Amino acid sequence: TRWGVCAVLVAVIVILISGSAEPGTTTTLPDELADSPALRMVGANSLRYRHDGNLSYRLVADQIRHFDKDQVTRLQIAHLHLLDPEGKPPWDIRAGAGEISQRSRADQIVEEVVFLHDEVNMVQENPDGSFIRLQTPSMFYYPDRQYAETSQNVMIDTDVGRTKASGLQGELQRGLIRLFSSERERVHTIVLRPQFR
């Protein structure tokens, strides 16, 4: 009968699957697939939560690829929407590409780090119309500490003026930004004329 044939087919499939690998053996990818992503998402939209259960950031990317071999997640056309636990205005970061990995600090604590590159734009807009916009070739962002840094040239536009520097360290939750200069690039600020009225 039809049901008998189905039962036999299911039994054969189960035998083939269970007998395909011996107990205690692990299956490894062929050499030609070893460098292929273990996970690939197109038009990805994911959420990252803090240890206390609050939302840390939302990640939207044209493509996300995770590689088990290197334990790194690569991003293409990435947008991070950073949320503050105290309800301060969010930061929006956009970049052409990026990577998410784990890094050990000097105190042996392992933390997530997001490395963004290829025209990084970072914006925070306040309800009163004031804003801060940062542009730099690349930036590291540490979600657990809400800390951002770059050793490359950075341009900062605000509603009161423009500042150029050769590097930046930012404690985003506290609203503190430290700027750096070099022999070739001094910290330079231009204040908009209306500020003198």
Foldseek 3Di string as FASTA:
>chain_A
DVVVVVVVVVVVVVCCVVPVDDPPDDDDDPPVCLFAFPDKDAQDWDWDAAPVGHTAKIKTARMWGAHPVVRKIKGAFIWIWGAAPVGAFTKIKTAGIWMWHWDADPVRDIFIKIKGAHWIWMKTAHPVGKIKIKTFGIKIATRNQRKIKDQAWMWIDIPFWIWIARMWIDRVNVGDIDGHHDPVGDIDIDTDPVVVD
